[in-house]
């Protein structure tokens, strides 16, 4: 099994690390939150002192971090991965960042003989916990083949979509579909509620048809239960959609629906909902229509 470094033990990184340990990999971990390091150390991981220290002790270094700026600092900055990693090692950035930044990092690492794969994921905390993430990778075929067993410990699917940056582009496409789908489900359930039709029955009626989707299966029950505990926060999704729009503008690709969703997210931010799950998009539509989507009490209650 590979000696793996894992940097970033947040909502996603912590369960991903646990699944690597369960698969038998040796793990060196680091996070600015010392309690997260201690938690992973209690189940068999080796604590790292810094990103550089983690890289020096590992053949493969995984980063799972909040945004482009942090990834760049952790990999290329002082005491960063680049200072400890050996020639021939592989850095896998599983964060959701700008494709341009992914390519810049890959180019800098390449100058020192360090390989890179950008491999963002989809599935949120639930799939990170059960090891069924969808992994979208950009890099060389040889590097992808080398780390595929590592991906299989964290995900149910891993697809190489092109060279460096392609994984990040694929994640942007994924985020467009996810966010627009959540908005569509929100509109539909708010409409049903305002028309005094049980939104849960509407969900059950349409889920098996063409309107059905993995997004609706995951998010409609959360809306009905008024459960906005984050698997992916609105804060993170604003960052992701910001990356989508920045990239689309660089390429000259108009994305009017995605731009509209960004304004919805900004409205929710103004209402103090940044740390809620992105299923809270329904609350934007509820506010407009002055209704609340929820399960109806059972008869007799």
Protein backbone atom coordinates (compact mmCIF):
# COMPACT_ATOMS: atom_id res chain seq x y z
CA UNK A 1 0.00 0.00 0.00
CA UNK A 2 1.12 3.58 -0.70
CA UNK A 3 2.36 5.99 1.97
CA UNK A 4 -0.12 8.83 1.56
CA UNK A 5 -0.09 12.36 2.92
CA UNK A 6 -3.47 14.03 3.46
CA UNK A 7 -3.74 17.78 4.06
CA UNK A 8 -7.14 19.26 4.92
CA UNK A 9 -9.27 17.39 7.46
CA UNK A 10 -12.57 19.24 7.20
CA UNK A 11 -16.10 18.07 6.41
CA UNK A 12 -14.85 16.13 3.39
CA UNK A 13 -11.21 15.42 4.15
CA UNK A 14 -11.76 13.73 7.49
CA UNK A 15 -14.06 10.92 6.23
CA UNK A 16 -11.97 10.53 3.06
CA UNK A 17 -8.90 10.03 5.26
CA UNK A 18 -10.72 7.47 7.37
CA UNK A 19 -11.62 5.48 4.26
CA UNK A 20 -7.98 5.43 3.16
CA UNK A 21 -7.01 4.05 6.55
CA UNK A 22 -9.76 1.42 6.34
CA UNK A 23 -8.36 0.36 2.95
CA UNK A 24 -4.99 -0.31 4.58
CA UNK A 25 -3.03 2.72 3.41
CA UNK A 26 -0.45 4.35 5.67
CA UNK A 27 -1.46 7.95 6.23
CA UNK A 28 0.35 11.12 7.35
CA UNK A 29 -2.11 13.94 8.05
CA UNK A 30 -2.05 17.69 8.58
CA UNK A 31 -4.59 20.44 9.22
CA UNK A 32 -4.45 23.84 10.89
CA UNK A 33 -7.01 22.39 13.34
CA UNK A 34 -4.91 20.31 15.73
CA UNK A 35 -7.98 18.49 17.08
CA UNK A 36 -8.62 17.08 13.60
CA UNK A 37 -5.05 15.76 13.48
CA UNK A 38 -5.45 14.15 16.91
CA UNK A 39 -8.74 12.55 15.85
CA UNK A 40 -7.15 10.89 12.82
CA UNK A 41 -4.06 9.93 14.84
CA UNK A 42 -6.35 8.10 17.28
CA UNK A 43 -7.43 5.75 14.46
CA UNK A 44 -3.96 5.07 13.04
CA UNK A 45 -2.75 8.10 11.08
CA UNK A 46 0.68 9.64 11.65
CA UNK A 47 0.57 13.36 12.55
CA UNK A 48 2.42 15.74 10.26
CA UNK A 49 4.01 18.99 11.43
CA UNK A 50 3.43 20.99 8.21
CA UNK A 51 2.54 20.48 4.55
CA UNK A 52 6.26 20.20 3.80
CA UNK A 53 6.70 17.56 6.52
CA UNK A 54 3.73 15.56 5.21
CA UNK A 55 5.15 15.67 1.68
CA UNK A 56 8.60 14.54 2.83
CA UNK A 57 7.07 11.44 4.44
CA UNK A 58 4.76 10.48 1.55
CA UNK A 59 4.81 9.13 -1.99
CA UNK A 60 1.39 10.60 -2.79
CA UNK A 61 0.14 13.85 -1.25
CA UNK A 62 -3.58 14.66 -1.26
CA UNK A 63 -4.95 18.14 -0.56
CA UNK A 64 -8.62 18.81 0.25
CA UNK A 65 -8.87 22.53 0.98
CA UNK A 66 -11.42 25.37 0.81
CA UNK A 67 -10.30 27.51 -2.15
CA UNK A 68 -7.72 28.29 -4.81
CA UNK A 69 -5.68 30.71 -2.70
CA UNK A 70 -5.31 28.25 0.18
CA UNK A 71 -4.41 25.36 -2.14
CA UNK A 72 -1.76 27.49 -3.82
CA UNK A 73 -0.26 28.53 -0.46
CA UNK A 74 -0.29 25.00 0.98
CA UNK A 75 1.36 23.48 -2.10
CA UNK A 76 3.69 26.25 -3.30
CA UNK A 77 4.16 28.53 -0.26
CA UNK A 78 6.61 28.57 2.65
CA UNK A 79 6.73 25.14 4.33
CA UNK A 80 4.52 23.99 1.48
CA UNK A 81 4.27 20.62 -0.21
CA UNK A 82 6.75 21.63 -2.92
CA UNK A 83 9.49 22.07 -0.29
CA UNK A 84 9.16 18.52 1.03
CA UNK A 85 8.01 16.42 -1.92
CA UNK A 86 10.55 14.29 -3.76
CA UNK A 87 10.94 14.10 -7.52
CA UNK A 88 8.58 11.42 -8.84
CA UNK A 89 5.98 11.91 -6.11
CA UNK A 90 2.38 12.79 -7.01
CA UNK A 91 0.26 15.61 -5.63
CA UNK A 92 -3.50 15.03 -5.92
CA UNK A 93 -5.52 18.16 -5.31
CA UNK A 94 -9.10 17.08 -4.57
CA UNK A 95 -10.27 20.59 -3.73
CA UNK A 96 -12.68 22.45 -6.02
CA UNK A 97 -10.61 25.29 -7.46
CA UNK A 98 -10.11 27.29 -10.63
CA UNK A 99 -8.79 25.26 -13.59
CA UNK A 100 -6.26 28.02 -14.28
CA UNK A 101 -4.85 27.75 -10.75
CA UNK A 102 -4.70 23.95 -11.10
CA UNK A 103 -2.61 24.33 -14.24
CA UNK A 104 -0.33 26.92 -12.62
CA UNK A 105 0.32 24.63 -9.65
CA UNK A 106 0.95 21.64 -11.93
CA UNK A 107 3.48 23.66 -13.96
CA UNK A 108 5.36 24.77 -10.83
CA UNK A 109 5.49 21.24 -9.44
CA UNK A 110 6.62 19.86 -12.79
CA UNK A 111 9.76 22.02 -12.65
CA UNK A 112 10.84 19.95 -9.62
CA UNK A 113 9.84 16.61 -11.16
CA UNK A 114 6.69 16.36 -9.05
CA UNK A 115 3.57 15.08 -10.81
CA UNK A 116 0.06 16.46 -10.23
CA UNK A 117 -3.52 15.36 -10.71
CA UNK A 118 -6.46 17.68 -10.10
CA UNK A 119 -9.26 15.43 -8.85
CA UNK A 120 -12.24 17.29 -7.41
CA UNK A 121 -15.17 15.26 -6.16
CA UNK A 122 -18.96 15.25 -6.13
CA UNK A 123 -21.25 13.73 -3.54
CA UNK A 124 -20.81 15.86 -0.44
CA UNK A 125 -20.29 14.65 3.10
CA UNK A 126 -22.63 11.61 2.91
CA UNK A 127 -20.71 10.06 0.00
CA UNK A 128 -17.37 11.06 1.52
CA UNK A 129 -18.39 9.06 4.60
CA UNK A 130 -19.51 5.94 2.76
CA UNK A 131 -16.70 6.07 0.19
CA UNK A 132 -18.87 6.53 -2.91
CA UNK A 133 -17.67 9.90 -4.18
CA UNK A 134 -17.52 10.64 -7.91
CA UNK A 135 -13.96 11.67 -8.73
CA UNK A 136 -13.14 13.77 -11.82
CA UNK A 137 -9.45 13.73 -12.65
CA UNK A 138 -7.10 15.76 -14.83
CA UNK A 139 -3.52 14.63 -15.47
CA UNK A 140 -1.55 11.97 -17.32
CA UNK A 141 -2.88 8.47 -17.89
CA UNK A 142 0.18 6.97 -16.22
CA UNK A 143 -0.27 9.03 -13.06
CA UNK A 144 -4.00 8.29 -12.99
CA UNK A 145 -3.37 4.54 -13.29
CA UNK A 146 -0.83 4.73 -10.48
CA UNK A 147 -3.25 6.35 -8.01
CA UNK A 148 -6.45 4.61 -9.11
CA UNK A 149 -6.38 2.21 -6.10
CA UNK A 150 -6.30 5.29 -3.86
CA UNK A 151 -9.30 6.77 -5.64
CA UNK A 152 -11.17 3.47 -5.28
CA UNK A 153 -10.81 3.69 -1.49
CA UNK A 154 -12.70 7.00 -1.52
CA UNK A 155 -15.07 6.82 -4.45
CA UNK A 156 -17.35 4.58 -6.46
CA UNK A 157 -16.26 6.20 -9.72
CA UNK A 158 -13.06 7.85 -10.95
CA UNK A 159 -12.77 9.14 -14.51
CA UNK A 160 -9.79 10.79 -16.19
CA UNK A 161 -11.28 13.60 -18.29
CA UNK A 162 -8.08 15.05 -19.77
CA UNK A 163 -4.79 16.72 -18.89
CA UNK A 164 -4.11 19.01 -15.91
CA UNK A 165 -7.06 21.31 -15.30
CA UNK A 166 -9.61 19.00 -16.96
CA UNK A 167 -10.76 17.59 -13.63
CA UNK A 168 -11.42 21.10 -12.36
CA UNK A 169 -13.34 21.99 -15.53
CA UNK A 170 -15.43 18.84 -15.11
CA UNK A 171 -16.23 19.86 -11.51
CA UNK A 172 -17.42 23.25 -12.77
CA UNK A 173 -19.77 21.52 -15.21
CA UNK A 174 -20.97 19.31 -12.36
CA UNK A 175 -21.67 22.32 -10.16
CA UNK A 176 -23.72 24.04 -12.86
CA UNK A 177 -26.00 21.01 -13.10
CA UNK A 178 -26.24 20.48 -9.32
CA UNK A 179 -27.05 24.09 -8.44
CA UNK A 180 -29.57 24.57 -11.25
CA UNK A 181 -31.19 21.25 -10.32
CA UNK A 182 -31.56 22.29 -6.68
CA UNK A 183 -33.10 25.58 -7.81
CA UNK A 184 -35.54 23.74 -10.08
CA UNK A 185 -36.57 21.34 -7.30
CA UNK A 186 -37.05 24.34 -5.01
CA UNK A 187 -39.28 26.14 -7.51
CA UNK A 188 -41.37 23.03 -8.08
CA UNK A 189 -41.95 22.26 -4.39
CA UNK A 190 -42.74 25.89 -3.58
CA UNK A 191 -45.27 25.94 -6.42
CA UNK A 192 -46.91 22.76 -5.13
CA UNK A 193 -47.03 24.09 -1.57
CA UNK A 194 -48.55 27.41 -2.64
CA UNK A 195 -51.20 25.48 -4.61
CA UNK A 196 -52.01 23.53 -1.40
CA UNK A 197 -50.77 20.24 -2.86
CA UNK A 198 -48.67 18.07 -0.53
CA UNK A 199 -45.03 18.61 -1.70
CA UNK A 200 -44.01 15.18 -0.41
CA UNK A 201 -46.64 13.50 -2.59
CA UNK A 202 -45.50 15.59 -5.56
CA UNK A 203 -41.92 14.44 -4.92
CA UNK A 204 -43.02 10.80 -4.73
CA UNK A 205 -45.09 11.14 -7.90
CA UNK A 206 -42.34 12.62 -10.08
CA UNK A 207 -39.17 11.04 -8.71
CA UNK A 208 -39.45 7.94 -10.93
CA UNK A 209 -40.02 9.92 -14.14
CA UNK A 210 -37.85 12.16 -16.29
CA UNK A 211 -37.70 14.81 -13.55
CA UNK A 212 -36.06 12.35 -11.17
CA UNK A 213 -32.39 12.87 -10.36
CA UNK A 214 -29.75 12.08 -7.77
CA UNK A 215 -29.91 15.73 -6.74
CA UNK A 216 -33.65 15.59 -6.11
CA UNK A 217 -33.30 12.32 -4.18
CA UNK A 218 -30.69 13.90 -1.92
CA UNK A 219 -32.12 17.38 -1.49
CA UNK A 220 -35.94 17.16 -1.63
CA UNK A 221 -36.14 15.12 1.61
CA UNK A 222 -33.88 17.67 3.32
CA UNK A 223 -36.19 20.48 2.22
CA UNK A 224 -39.26 18.56 3.42
CA UNK A 225 -37.61 17.86 6.78
CA UNK A 226 -36.37 21.46 7.17
CA UNK A 227 -32.91 19.93 7.56
CA UNK A 228 -30.27 22.34 6.31
CA UNK A 229 -27.29 20.75 8.09
CA UNK A 230 -24.52 21.10 5.52
CA UNK A 231 -23.09 18.35 3.41
CA UNK A 232 -21.90 21.23 1.23
CA UNK A 233 -22.38 24.75 2.58
CA UNK A 234 -23.75 27.70 0.66
CA UNK A 235 -20.38 29.37 1.37
CA UNK A 236 -18.56 26.63 -0.57
CA UNK A 237 -21.11 26.70 -3.37
CA UNK A 238 -20.75 30.47 -3.79
CA UNK A 239 -17.01 29.84 -4.20
CA UNK A 240 -17.67 27.07 -6.74
CA UNK A 241 -20.12 29.12 -8.79
CA UNK A 242 -17.68 32.02 -8.64
CA UNK A 243 -15.09 29.72 -10.24
CA UNK A 244 -17.65 28.69 -12.86
CA UNK A 245 -18.44 32.26 -13.83
CA UNK A 246 -14.80 33.38 -13.77
CA UNK A 247 -13.85 30.54 -16.10
CA UNK A 248 -16.85 31.07 -18.36
CA UNK A 249 -15.99 34.76 -18.73
CA UNK A 250 -12.37 33.92 -19.58
CA UNK A 251 -13.60 31.54 -22.28
CA UNK A 252 -16.37 33.81 -23.58
CA UNK A 253 -19.15 31.38 -22.64
CA UNK A 254 -22.35 33.10 -21.44
CA UNK A 255 -24.06 31.19 -18.61
CA UNK A 256 -27.27 33.13 -17.87
CA UNK A 257 -28.93 30.48 -15.69
CA UNK A 258 -25.80 29.97 -13.60
CA UNK A 259 -25.50 33.74 -13.16
CA UNK A 260 -29.08 33.80 -11.86
CA UNK A 261 -28.29 31.07 -9.33
CA UNK A 262 -25.31 33.11 -8.12
CA UNK A 263 -27.66 36.00 -7.34
CA UNK A 264 -29.93 33.60 -5.41
CA UNK A 265 -26.91 32.45 -3.41
CA UNK A 266 -25.92 36.05 -2.75
CA UNK A 267 -29.43 36.77 -1.45
CA UNK A 268 -29.17 33.84 0.96
CA UNK A 269 -25.75 35.10 2.05
CA UNK A 270 -27.34 38.47 2.86
CA UNK A 271 -29.90 36.59 4.98
CA UNK A 272 -27.13 34.96 7.03
CA UNK A 273 -27.41 31.43 5.65
CA UNK A 274 -23.83 30.85 4.46
CA UNK A 275 -23.25 27.83 6.71
CA UNK A 276 -26.44 26.04 5.66
CA UNK A 277 -26.60 23.22 3.12
CA UNK A 278 -27.26 24.26 -0.48
CA UNK A 279 -30.72 22.69 -0.17
CA UNK A 280 -31.47 26.00 1.60
CA UNK A 281 -31.87 27.49 -1.89
CA UNK A 282 -35.52 26.57 -1.32
CA UNK A 283 -35.67 29.27 1.35
CA UNK A 284 -35.07 31.95 -1.27
CA UNK A 285 -38.17 30.83 -3.17
CA UNK A 286 -40.17 30.38 0.05
CA UNK A 287 -39.45 33.99 0.95
CA UNK A 288 -40.67 35.18 -2.47
CA UNK A 289 -43.89 33.14 -2.28
CA UNK A 290 -44.44 33.48 1.49
CA UNK A 291 -44.81 29.73 2.03
CA UNK A 292 -42.78 26.99 3.71
CA UNK A 293 -42.12 23.62 2.09
CA UNK A 294 -42.51 20.87 4.69
CA UNK A 295 -43.98 17.44 5.26
CA UNK A 296 -47.63 17.53 6.22
CA UNK A 297 -48.43 16.00 9.63
CA UNK A 298 -49.72 12.43 9.48
CA UNK A 299 -53.50 12.05 9.87
CA UNK A 300 -54.42 11.95 13.55
CA UNK A 301 -51.39 13.96 14.69
